[in-house]
Each structure stands twice: as structure tokens, then as C-alpha cells.
Protein backbone atom coordinates (compact mmCIF):
# COMPACT_ATOMS: atom_id res chain seq x y z
CA UNK A 1 0.00 0.02 0.01
CA UNK A 2 2.79 2.47 0.86
CA UNK A 3 4.10 2.24 -2.72
CA UNK A 4 0.69 3.16 -4.19
CA UNK A 5 0.00 6.21 -1.99
CA UNK A 6 1.51 8.77 -4.29
CA UNK A 7 -0.46 7.37 -7.19
CA UNK A 8 -3.66 7.39 -5.17
CA UNK A 9 -3.06 11.06 -4.37
CA UNK A 10 -2.85 11.87 -8.05
CA UNK A 11 -5.83 9.64 -9.01
CA UNK A 12 -8.31 11.20 -6.48
CA UNK A 13 -6.73 14.68 -6.11
CA UNK A 14 -5.99 14.10 -2.42
CA UNK A 15 -3.31 16.06 -0.57
CA UNK A 16 -0.42 13.97 0.79
CA UNK A 17 -1.41 14.74 4.34
CA UNK A 18 -4.78 13.01 3.87
CA UNK A 19 -3.44 9.86 2.14
CA UNK A 20 -2.52 8.20 5.46
CA UNK A 21 -6.33 7.62 6.07
CA UNK A 22 -5.99 4.63 3.78
CA UNK A 23 -3.56 2.95 6.11
CA UNK A 24 -4.97 4.31 9.34
CA UNK A 25 -8.47 3.06 8.54
CA UNK A 26 -7.11 -0.41 8.19
CA UNK A 27 -5.02 -0.42 11.19
CA UNK A 28 -7.82 1.03 13.35
CA UNK A 29 -10.15 -1.70 12.09
CA UNK A 30 -7.57 -4.38 13.00
CA UNK A 31 -7.21 -2.88 16.49
CA UNK A 32 -11.05 -3.11 16.98
CA UNK A 33 -11.53 -6.65 15.72
CA UNK A 34 -8.44 -8.54 16.99
CA UNK A 35 -9.45 -8.44 20.68
CA UNK A 36 -12.86 -10.20 19.74
CA UNK A 37 -11.24 -12.74 17.44
CA UNK A 38 -10.50 -15.30 20.21
CA UNK A 39 -14.13 -15.38 21.35
CA UNK A 40 -15.49 -15.41 17.81
CA UNK A 41 -13.22 -18.33 16.82
CA UNK A 42 -14.17 -20.32 19.93
CA UNK A 43 -17.86 -19.58 19.56
CA UNK A 44 -18.42 -20.24 15.89
CA UNK A 45 -15.53 -22.64 15.20
CA UNK A 46 -12.05 -21.95 13.84
CA UNK A 47 -12.78 -23.18 10.33
CA UNK A 48 -15.93 -21.24 9.86
CA UNK A 49 -14.35 -18.05 11.29
CA UNK A 50 -11.22 -18.38 9.20
CA UNK A 51 -13.15 -18.90 5.93
CA UNK A 52 -15.49 -16.06 6.65
CA UNK A 53 -12.46 -13.82 7.30
CA UNK A 54 -10.84 -14.86 3.97
CA UNK A 55 -14.09 -14.26 2.19
CA UNK A 56 -14.66 -10.90 3.76
CA UNK A 57 -11.09 -9.80 3.02
CA UNK A 58 -11.36 -10.92 -0.60
CA UNK A 59 -14.71 -9.21 -1.14
CA UNK A 60 -13.33 -6.03 0.47
CA UNK A 61 -10.27 -6.20 -1.83
CA UNK A 62 -12.61 -6.16 -4.90
CA UNK A 63 -14.54 -3.33 -3.47
CA UNK A 64 -11.26 -1.37 -2.94
CA UNK A 65 -10.21 -2.16 -6.46
CA UNK A 66 -13.35 -0.61 -7.92
CA UNK A 67 -13.63 2.36 -5.56
CA UNK A 68 -14.58 5.52 -7.43
CA UNK A 69 -13.63 8.03 -4.66
CA UNK A 70 -11.13 8.31 -1.83
CA UNK A 71 -13.89 8.11 0.77
CA UNK A 72 -15.13 4.81 -0.71
CA UNK A 73 -11.53 3.45 -0.65
CA UNK A 74 -11.14 4.35 3.01
CA UNK A 75 -14.41 2.70 3.88
CA UNK A 76 -13.59 -0.47 2.01
CA UNK A 77 -10.14 -0.59 3.67
CA UNK A 78 -11.88 -0.55 7.04
CA UNK A 79 -14.01 -3.54 5.90
CA UNK A 80 -10.81 -5.24 4.73
CA UNK A 81 -9.37 -4.74 8.20
CA UNK A 82 -12.33 -6.65 9.75
CA UNK A 83 -11.32 -9.66 7.73
CA UNK A 84 -7.66 -9.22 8.43
CA UNK A 85 -8.24 -8.78 12.16
CA UNK A 86 -10.04 -12.19 12.38
CA UNK A 87 -7.65 -14.03 10.09
CA UNK A 88 -4.33 -14.24 11.89
CA UNK A 89 -5.35 -14.97 15.49
CA UNK A 90 -7.86 -17.56 14.44
CA UNK A 91 -5.40 -19.24 12.02
CA UNK A 92 -2.60 -19.35 14.71
CA UNK A 93 -4.98 -20.78 17.34
CA UNK A 94 -6.08 -23.57 14.93
CA UNK A 95 -2.41 -24.33 14.09
CA UNK A 96 -1.30 -24.71 17.72
CA UNK A 97 -4.36 -26.73 18.62
CA UNK A 98 -3.44 -29.30 15.94
CA UNK A 99 0.18 -29.65 16.75
CA UNK A 100 1.42 -31.00 20.18
CA UNK A 101 4.09 -28.86 21.83
CA UNK A 102 6.95 -31.02 20.60
CA UNK A 103 5.97 -30.38 16.96
CA UNK A 104 5.14 -26.72 17.27
CA UNK A 105 8.70 -25.51 16.58
CA UNK A 106 8.48 -27.08 13.13
CA UNK A 107 5.09 -25.56 12.60
CA UNK A 108 6.54 -22.17 13.75
CA UNK A 109 9.39 -22.60 11.25
CA UNK A 110 6.87 -22.73 8.37
CA UNK A 111 4.49 -20.06 9.83
CA UNK A 112 7.44 -17.60 10.12
CA UNK A 113 8.05 -17.54 6.43
CA UNK A 114 4.81 -15.72 5.37
CA UNK A 115 4.83 -13.63 8.57
CA UNK A 116 8.24 -12.06 7.73
CA UNK A 117 8.25 -12.71 3.99
CA UNK A 118 5.25 -10.37 3.26
CA UNK A 119 6.86 -7.09 4.33
CA UNK A 120 9.74 -7.76 1.89
CA UNK A 121 7.55 -8.95 -0.97
CA UNK A 122 4.94 -6.24 -0.64
CA UNK A 123 7.05 -3.34 -1.99
CA UNK A 124 8.26 -5.40 -4.92
CA UNK A 125 4.88 -6.54 -5.95
CA UNK A 126 3.35 -3.11 -5.27
CA UNK A 127 5.98 -1.40 -7.41
CA UNK A 128 5.49 -3.91 -10.31
CA UNK A 129 1.69 -3.55 -10.29
CA UNK A 130 1.60 0.18 -9.97
CA UNK A 131 4.28 0.63 -12.63
CA UNK A 132 3.02 -1.89 -15.23
CA UNK A 133 -0.73 -2.14 -14.62
CA UNK A 134 -2.74 -0.01 -12.21
CA UNK A 135 -3.05 0.81 -8.49
CA UNK A 136 -6.31 -1.11 -8.58
CA UNK A 137 -4.32 -4.32 -9.11
CA UNK A 138 -2.69 -3.83 -5.68
CA UNK A 139 -6.21 -5.03 -4.48
CA UNK A 140 -7.33 -7.33 -7.32
CA UNK A 141 -4.21 -9.47 -6.80
CA UNK A 142 -5.87 -10.70 -3.59
CA UNK A 143 -8.80 -12.18 -5.45
CA UNK A 144 -7.28 -15.40 -6.91
CA UNK A 145 -5.33 -15.99 -3.68
CA UNK A 146 -8.53 -15.53 -1.50
CA UNK A 147 -10.55 -17.82 -3.79
CA UNK A 148 -7.85 -20.58 -3.71
CA UNK A 149 -7.65 -20.29 0.10
CA UNK A 150 -11.49 -20.61 0.40
CA UNK A 151 -11.59 -23.69 -1.71
CA UNK A 152 -8.56 -25.27 0.00
CA UNK A 153 -10.04 -24.45 3.42
CA UNK A 154 -13.42 -25.90 2.60
CA UNK A 155 -11.78 -29.16 1.54
CA UNK A 156 -9.08 -29.66 4.09
CA UNK A 157 -9.51 -27.52 7.30
CA UNK A 158 -10.79 -29.40 10.32
CA UNK A 159 -13.52 -27.92 12.37
CA UNK A 160 -13.18 -27.14 16.08
CA UNK A 161 -15.31 -25.16 18.45
CA UNK A 162 -15.04 -24.83 22.24
CA UNK A 163 -17.98 -26.36 24.07
CA UNK A 164 -18.45 -23.50 26.57
CA UNK A 165 -17.14 -20.04 25.67
CA UNK A 166 -19.60 -18.00 27.80
CA UNK A 167 -21.36 -14.83 26.83
CA UNK A 168 -19.85 -12.13 24.66
CA UNK A 169 -18.29 -9.40 26.72
CA UNK A 170 -19.83 -6.30 25.08
CA UNK A 171 -18.37 -3.89 27.53
CA UNK A 172 -14.92 -5.32 27.09
CA UNK A 173 -15.24 -5.25 23.28
CA UNK A 174 -16.21 -1.56 23.36
CA UNK A 175 -13.44 -0.58 25.75
CA UNK A 176 -10.82 -2.51 23.86
CA UNK A 177 -11.93 -1.63 20.37
CA UNK A 178 -12.19 2.10 20.94
CA UNK A 179 -9.16 2.26 23.20
CA UNK A 180 -6.87 0.37 20.89
CA UNK A 181 -8.17 2.16 17.83
CA UNK A 182 -7.46 5.62 19.40
CA UNK A 183 -3.99 4.63 20.60
CA UNK A 184 -3.10 3.14 17.15
CA UNK A 185 -4.34 6.24 15.41
CA UNK A 186 -2.33 8.42 17.87
CA UNK A 187 0.86 6.43 17.45
CA UNK A 188 0.55 6.04 13.69
CA UNK A 189 -0.07 9.81 13.01
CA UNK A 190 2.04 11.20 15.86
CA UNK A 191 5.28 11.49 13.96
CA UNK A 192 3.45 13.01 10.88
CA UNK A 193 1.22 15.62 12.68
CA UNK A 194 3.51 16.21 15.63
CA UNK A 195 3.27 14.73 19.09
CA UNK A 196 2.03 18.07 20.49
CA UNK A 197 -0.93 18.11 18.10
CA UNK A 198 -4.36 18.48 19.98
CA UNK A 199 -5.69 15.61 17.94
CA UNK A 200 -2.70 13.23 18.72
CA UNK A 201 -2.74 14.17 22.46
CA UNK A 202 -6.45 13.69 22.63
CA UNK A 203 -6.29 10.23 20.88
CA UNK A 204 -3.45 8.91 23.20
CA UNK A 205 -4.84 10.29 26.29
CA UNK A 206 -8.40 9.07 25.80
CA UNK A 207 -7.18 5.70 24.45
CA UNK A 208 -4.77 5.21 27.40
CA UNK A 209 -7.67 5.99 29.92
CA UNK A 210 -10.01 3.54 28.12
CA UNK A 211 -7.32 0.79 28.18
CA UNK A 212 -6.57 1.38 31.82
CA UNK A 213 -10.35 0.91 32.49
CA UNK A 214 -10.31 -2.16 30.30
CA UNK A 215 -7.57 -3.80 32.35
CA UNK A 216 -9.48 -3.27 35.61
CA UNK A 217 -12.74 -4.44 34.05
CA UNK A 218 -11.22 -7.54 32.53
CA UNK A 219 -9.49 -8.69 35.70
CA UNK A 220 -12.82 -8.33 37.62
CA UNK A 221 -15.01 -10.04 34.96
CA UNK A 222 -15.98 -13.64 35.35
CA UNK A 223 -16.14 -13.97 31.50
CA UNK A 224 -13.63 -11.44 30.10
CA UNK A 225 -13.12 -10.83 26.36
CA UNK A 226 -9.34 -10.60 27.02
CA UNK A 227 -8.01 -13.26 29.38
CA UNK A 228 -5.29 -10.92 30.88
CA UNK A 229 -4.66 -13.48 33.63
CA UNK A 230 -2.72 -15.47 31.03
CA UNK A 231 0.08 -12.96 31.57
CA UNK A 232 0.57 -14.50 35.03
CA UNK A 233 2.31 -17.38 33.30
CA UNK A 234 5.92 -16.28 33.14
CA UNK A 235 6.80 -17.89 29.85
CA UNK A 236 3.78 -16.35 28.09
CA UNK A 237 4.50 -13.01 29.60
CA UNK A 238 8.19 -13.03 28.67
CA UNK A 239 7.76 -14.25 25.12
CA UNK A 240 5.08 -11.60 24.48
CA UNK A 241 7.42 -8.84 25.66
CA UNK A 242 10.19 -10.21 23.41
CA UNK A 243 7.88 -10.38 20.46
CA UNK A 244 6.62 -6.85 21.11
CA UNK A 245 10.17 -5.41 21.07
CA UNK A 246 11.35 -7.56 18.17
CA UNK A 247 8.41 -6.58 16.03
CA UNK A 248 9.00 -2.87 16.93
CA UNK A 249 12.63 -3.11 15.82
CA UNK A 250 12.01 -5.32 12.75
CA UNK A 251 8.98 -3.55 11.19
CA UNK A 252 10.17 -0.14 12.25
CA UNK A 253 13.50 -0.74 10.48
CA UNK A 254 11.81 -2.02 7.36
CA UNK A 255 9.68 1.15 7.21
CA UNK A 256 12.83 3.40 7.66
CA UNK A 257 14.88 1.31 5.15
CA UNK A 258 12.13 1.87 2.41
CA UNK A 259 12.49 5.59 3.00
CA UNK A 260 16.25 5.36 3.12
CA UNK A 261 16.39 3.66 -0.20
CA UNK A 262 13.99 5.99 -2.03
CA UNK A 263 14.32 9.49 -0.32
CA UNK A 264 17.84 9.04 0.84
CA UNK A 265 19.70 7.04 -1.76
CA UNK A 266 17.39 7.99 -4.67
CA UNK A 267 16.27 4.49 -5.73
CA UNK A 268 13.10 3.85 -7.53
CA UNK A 269 10.15 2.14 -5.84
CA UNK A 270 10.81 -1.11 -7.75
CA UNK A 271 14.62 -1.06 -7.11
CA UNK A 272 13.96 -0.24 -3.50
CA UNK A 273 11.61 -3.25 -3.24
CA UNK A 274 14.12 -5.48 -4.90
CA UNK A 275 16.90 -4.31 -2.58
CA UNK A 276 14.67 -5.23 0.35
CA UNK A 277 13.90 -8.67 -0.96
CA UNK A 278 17.07 -10.41 0.43
CA UNK A 279 15.45 -9.99 3.87
CA UNK A 280 12.78 -12.55 2.71
CA UNK A 281 15.52 -15.03 1.52
CA UNK A 282 17.15 -14.68 5.01
CA UNK A 283 13.85 -15.46 6.70
CA UNK A 284 13.34 -18.67 4.61
CA UNK A 285 16.78 -19.96 5.25
CA UNK A 286 16.91 -18.91 8.86
CA UNK A 287 13.58 -20.33 9.84
CA UNK A 288 14.57 -23.79 8.82
CA UNK A 289 17.91 -23.57 10.69
CA UNK A 290 16.26 -22.23 13.81
CA UNK A 291 13.48 -24.83 13.87
CA UNK A 292 15.39 -27.87 12.88
CA UNK A 293 18.82 -27.39 14.38
CA UNK A 294 19.13 -24.56 16.96
CA UNK A 295 15.88 -24.69 18.85
CA UNK A 296 16.00 -28.39 19.74
CA UNK A 297 19.70 -28.11 20.66
CA UNK A 298 19.82 -24.74 22.56
CA UNK A 299 16.24 -23.97 23.65
CA UNK A 300 14.25 -20.73 23.07
CA UNK A 301 16.20 -18.33 25.21
CA UNK A 302 19.66 -18.45 23.58
CA UNK A 303 18.26 -18.63 20.05
CA UNK A 304 16.09 -15.50 20.80
CA UNK A 305 18.97 -13.63 22.27
CA UNK A 306 21.23 -14.51 19.32
CA UNK A 307 18.51 -13.41 16.88
CA UNK A 308 17.91 -10.11 18.58
CA UNK A 309 21.59 -9.34 18.77
CA UNK A 310 21.82 -10.20 15.10
CA UNK A 311 18.99 -7.71 14.34
CA UNK A 312 20.84 -5.04 16.40
CA UNK A 313 24.15 -5.77 14.48
CA UNK A 314 22.48 -5.64 11.05
CA UNK A 315 20.57 -2.42 11.68
CA UNK A 316 23.65 -0.79 13.29
CA UNK A 317 25.82 -1.76 10.23
CA UNK A 318 23.25 -0.17 7.90
CA UNK A 319 23.83 3.14 9.71
CA UNK A 320 27.39 3.07 8.08
CA UNK A 321 25.95 3.01 4.49
CA UNK A 322 26.48 6.29 2.65
CA UNK A 323 25.67 7.64 -0.76
CA UNK A 324 28.81 6.10 -2.25
CA UNK A 325 28.57 2.70 -0.57
CA UNK A 326 28.14 -0.31 -2.79
CA UNK A 327 24.45 -1.31 -2.47
CA UNK A 328 25.26 -4.95 -2.20
CA UNK A 329 26.51 -4.32 1.31
CA UNK A 330 23.04 -3.06 2.18
CA UNK A 331 21.48 -6.14 0.51
CA UNK A 332 23.78 -8.43 2.48
CA UNK A 333 22.72 -6.72 5.66
CA UNK A 334 19.05 -7.19 4.71
CA UNK A 335 19.70 -10.90 4.31
CA UNK A 336 21.24 -10.92 7.71
CA UNK A 337 18.28 -8.90 9.13
CA UNK A 338 15.79 -11.58 7.82
CA UNK A 339 17.97 -14.45 8.94
CA UNK A 340 18.18 -12.98 12.47
CA UNK A 341 14.50 -12.16 12.75
CA UNK A 342 13.55 -15.78 11.85
CA UNK A 343 15.53 -16.78 14.98
CA UNK A 344 13.18 -14.64 17.06
CA UNK A 345 9.85 -15.49 15.39
CA UNK A 346 10.39 -19.29 15.44
CA UNK A 347 11.33 -19.84 19.16
CA UNK A 348 8.91 -17.14 20.34
CA UNK A 349 5.90 -18.60 18.61
CA UNK A 350 6.86 -22.15 19.65
CA UNK A 351 7.44 -21.30 23.27
CA UNK A 352 4.71 -18.83 23.88
CA UNK A 353 1.93 -21.39 23.86
CA UNK A 354 3.97 -24.19 25.53
CA UNK A 355 1.98 -23.94 28.82
CA UNK A 356 -1.43 -22.73 27.43
CA UNK A 357 -4.20 -25.20 27.53
CA UNK A 358 -6.17 -26.02 24.33
CA UNK A 359 -9.24 -24.32 25.66
CA UNK A 360 -7.22 -21.12 26.19
CA UNK A 361 -5.34 -21.21 22.95
CA UNK A 362 -7.79 -19.00 21.02
CA UNK A 363 -7.66 -16.26 23.75
CA UNK A 364 -3.83 -16.58 24.01
CA UNK A 365 -3.52 -16.10 20.26
CA UNK A 366 -5.66 -12.96 20.48
CA UNK A 367 -3.35 -11.40 23.15
CA UNK A 368 -0.21 -12.56 21.24
CA UNK A 369 -1.28 -10.97 17.95
CA UNK A 370 -2.65 -7.84 19.44
CA UNK A 371 0.60 -6.99 21.12
CA UNK A 372 2.50 -7.89 17.97
CA UNK A 373 0.39 -5.55 15.90
CA UNK A 374 0.80 -2.85 18.60
CA UNK A 375 4.52 -3.44 18.60
CA UNK A 376 4.81 -2.84 14.81
CA UNK A 377 2.97 0.45 15.17
CA UNK A 378 5.09 1.57 18.08
CA UNK A 379 8.29 0.71 16.19
CA UNK A 380 7.31 2.73 13.11
CA UNK A 381 6.27 5.62 15.31
CA UNK A 382 9.43 5.68 17.48
CA UNK A 383 11.79 5.35 14.45
CA UNK A 384 9.80 7.98 12.46
CA UNK A 385 10.06 10.38 15.36
CA UNK A 386 13.84 9.87 15.46
CA UNK A 387 13.91 10.50 11.71
CA UNK A 388 11.99 13.79 11.97
CA UNK A 389 13.99 14.96 15.01
CA UNK A 390 17.17 15.02 12.98
CA UNK A 391 15.57 16.06 9.73
CA UNK A 392 15.61 14.24 6.45
CA UNK A 393 17.11 17.12 4.34
CA UNK A 394 19.75 19.81 4.74
CA UNK A 395 21.31 22.48 2.63
CA UNK A 396 24.47 21.55 0.74
CA UNK A 397 25.92 24.44 -1.38
CA UNK A 398 22.66 26.29 -1.22
CA UNK A 399 20.57 23.28 -2.48
CA UNK A 400 18.34 20.93 -0.53
CA UNK A 401 19.85 17.40 -0.31
CA UNK A 402 19.01 14.30 1.69
CA UNK A 403 20.55 14.12 5.19
CA UNK A 404 21.48 10.50 5.54
CA UNK A 405 22.36 11.15 9.19
CA UNK A 406 18.63 11.13 10.09
CA UNK A 407 18.26 7.61 8.64
CA UNK A 408 21.38 6.45 10.40
CA UNK A 409 20.10 7.67 13.76
CA UNK A 410 16.75 5.92 13.22
CA UNK A 411 18.53 2.69 12.42
CA UNK A 412 20.57 2.97 15.57
CA UNK A 413 17.43 3.47 17.49
CA UNK A 414 16.13 0.20 15.95
CA UNK A 415 19.31 -1.54 17.12
CA UNK A 416 18.75 -0.21 20.63
CA UNK A 417 15.18 -1.54 20.67
CA UNK A 418 16.42 -4.96 19.56
CA UNK A 419 19.03 -4.99 22.46
CA UNK A 420 16.19 -4.24 24.84
CA UNK A 421 14.40 -7.30 23.39
CA UNK A 422 17.57 -9.31 24.08
CA UNK A 423 17.54 -8.21 27.64
CA UNK A 424 13.86 -9.17 27.95
CA UNK A 425 14.75 -12.61 26.57
CA UNK A 426 17.02 -13.16 29.55
CA UNK A 427 13.83 -13.57 31.70
CA UNK A 428 12.87 -16.70 29.71
CA UNK A 429 13.42 -20.05 31.44
CA UNK A 430 14.18 -22.83 29.02
CA UNK A 431 12.87 -25.36 31.43
CA UNK A 432 9.30 -23.93 30.98
CA UNK A 433 9.43 -24.96 27.33
CA UNK A 434 11.47 -28.14 27.69
CA UNK A 435 8.74 -30.37 26.20
CA UNK A 436 8.84 -28.34 23.02
CA UNK A 437 12.45 -29.20 22.35
CA UNK A 438 12.05 -32.86 21.36
CA UNK A 439 14.54 -33.51 18.52
CA UNK A 440 12.50 -36.11 16.79
CA UNK A 441 8.85 -36.88 17.25
CA UNK A 442 7.09 -39.89 15.85
CA UNK A 443 3.44 -40.78 15.97
CA UNK A 444 2.60 -44.10 17.67
CA UNK A 445 -0.58 -45.71 18.90
CA UNK A 446 -0.11 -46.57 22.60
CA UNK A 447 -0.51 -50.34 23.00
CA UNK A 448 -1.57 -50.05 26.57
CA UNK A 449 -4.74 -48.13 25.79
CA UNK A 450 -6.74 -47.43 22.76
CA UNK A 451 -7.14 -43.94 21.26
CA UNK A 452 -10.23 -42.18 22.50
CA UNK A 453 -11.44 -41.45 18.97
CA UNK A 454 -11.16 -43.56 15.85
CA UNK A 455 -8.14 -42.49 13.78
CA UNK A 456 -6.79 -40.25 16.61
CA UNK A 457 -3.14 -40.72 17.16
CA UNK A 458 -1.24 -40.40 20.41
CA UNK A 459 2.00 -38.51 20.35
CA UNK A 460 5.22 -39.77 21.97
CA UNK A 461 8.88 -39.06 21.64
CA UNK A 462 11.50 -41.48 20.69
CA UNK A 463 12.31 -41.85 24.34
CA UNK A 464 8.98 -43.14 25.66
């Protein structure tokens, strides 16, 4: 979407300051829907919820593609966010219910690929579509993917619904939806409008108050929408903190790097996307190394710390890149960034749910994905603020030129956030996730007792 914004401004005659509504509408919609996704998935079943989310996202993509005005486009982006908000938490909950703890690290190794691959692929695909076709194809490209996902899901996804989910917490939904949306809007727009802007201050202050009330309300409720007591589990609490900081550093740095390429180094949108793409290759390679080799041998804590320090090293090295630096050094650092990030995503996702019961998996996935989404927004806001504080341009010989120092400072801030994540990872106890570290798992039917259901397999390690 970021690649298409200038084109949308020309198409609809919209000032640059208003274009962010396309992204803000989607983010605010996500913030409203994600807190309710756990209850919805448990109540109506994971398969049904996931397929409805895919269908809604696909239909909204078509509507975005045929929008005739900027207002229509923003409205349809909000609808698209409803589908997106249900999609990821429900899918993750289904995945971790199916796989026993000892197999989740392998599942996380696969899940990590699209999670971190998309931010690198998006600019490339967006640049190609906008350049060679039309901005409308940025949305139409979702249609065949969505249709395939629907057909595949109808044929192969198993159904699961929790027997007793309780009533829907309307008060919790309103408090969380409005509170998270206001904070997301404030954080996303703060660096652009200024943190002293009355609108930004109002959004952040009111959102913070609503979220504080939400915490008190949810802890007192007998049937809360957000099961905040899950954070009393030290492994779940620590892995969520690590993921928050890692996502802030990773997505924040990807945002700054895109600006660094285009506004700082003068690359085209397509060349910028292609120079970002090595990050995706690093993710694909690193996720397999982390899941198959390092996690079983070392456990989650050391793998996470190594990954986070790798992120810090890669972003810090990018701060040394100047206008005359060979671009392949930057591409090599992008590969290292993706490789390092996979060593955070894989162990965090595998360990976070290690001590969560199947009945609580849907609600735990909601919390996990909500804080990850929030972490991405915070990372972009913090790094954008650092960028603006230095200033992206300066005068050279009486002419305005890019000030690369601003991008260097922002990347160093990203490195600092990653180091904070490494410190947070020190609070993780490998013993809490020991049962997820089985090197090889085979499925056997226990001879001493039959399976409870026909065709149901019992899981056992090679040792017992």
C-alpha cells in the first residue's frame, strides 16, 4: 500500500497529508477486531471463522479495487481490516491446537516464512503492479489468492469449536476496540502531525484511559473478552514482551529502510523493493535452521537472544551506509536482518503457547497477535520520530539534499530496541518450554490403551 499512496493522491486529487487515512483506517479496524477474534473463533468454530475472514478480506479487496472516490476506498479498507483482524489470530490458534508442543517449533518454522516474507515482498509486488498495470491491481491481486484459500480451506481444514465459551463481553469489546483504535491512530499519526498536536494528544490520552479501565474491568470480569490473567504465566508474559520489542525493531526498521532507499539514496520504488527482498530469503533460510537445528539443541532463550543481537548488529551496520557505498553491502545486511529475525519469530511462537491449555489457545492467540500488531505500530512511530527529530534534508551548497544522518540515527534506535528485546529474553526459562524441544517426534498408537477417537493418534517421543 505504501508504494501506491503517491499514485492514489494523483488519482483522487487528495493532498499527501490525507493519504494516510487509507492505512490508518485499516490499522484502526484491526485494532477493533483482533480483541474479539478469540471469542468469535471459539464460539463459531475456527474453520468457519477463518473462511469467513478470508471471504470478507477478498470481497473487500474487490470493492477497494473498484472504488470511485477516496472516501469509498477508505471505507472498504476498514472492511478489509475486519477480515484481516479475524484472520491471523484464528489461524494461529487452529495451528497450535492441531500440533502438540513437541511439533510446534517445526510448525512455527513454516509459519514464520509468510509472517516475515510479506513485508519484503509487498514493496516489490506493489511497485510492479503500480508501474506496469494500475493501482487497482494492488487489491485485485488478492482475489485469486483468496478464492484458492477458500476452496482449499473448505476441503481440508478441520472444524473445532470450544464447548463453553460464555457470553460475549460487550463492555470489554467496546473498551478494547475504541481504546486500541485511538492509541493506534495516535501512534501512527504522531510522527506526521507532531506529538504536541491536540488531535494526537486527545487520541493517546483518551485511548490510554479506556485501556486502563479495560484492564481493571477484565481482571474483575468472570467472562472477560481478553484473558489478561494469562500473563501471570511467566513464559507467556516473557515471550510476548520479546515479540513486542522484536516486532517494533523489525517492522520499524523495514519502514525506515524503504524511506532510506527512495528518499535518501534516490532508488526507484521497484529497485527499493528488490533491494529489500534479500530479507525474505534470509527469513526462509533462517527459519529452517532455527526450527530444525538450533531450537532443539539450545532452547528458546539463547536462540532468541542471538537473533535479537543479530538484528541489532544488522541495523547498526546499515547506519554506516552512505551515498557512495556499494548497494550490495546493504542487501547483504538485509539478508542478515531476515535471517536474524527468523531466529526470534520461530522460538517465540513455539514457546509462547507451551503452557497454554487447548481451551485457552484462542484467547492466548488474540493477546499474542494484538501486542505484535501494537509493537509494529510503536516501532514505526518511534523510528519515524527519530527520523523527524534529525531532519531528512539539509542544505548543501545552497541546495536541498537528503540528510543521511537522520536515517542512520533511526536505524541505531532500531538496534537499541533490539538490544532491549535481548535483555527481555533473559527472563525466559528454557525449562518452562522443555517439552517443545524434542529432537524427533514420531506418532505411535499406545499399545496399553486405545485412542479415544477412531483415527486419533497419540504423540510420543523416541524416548518413551
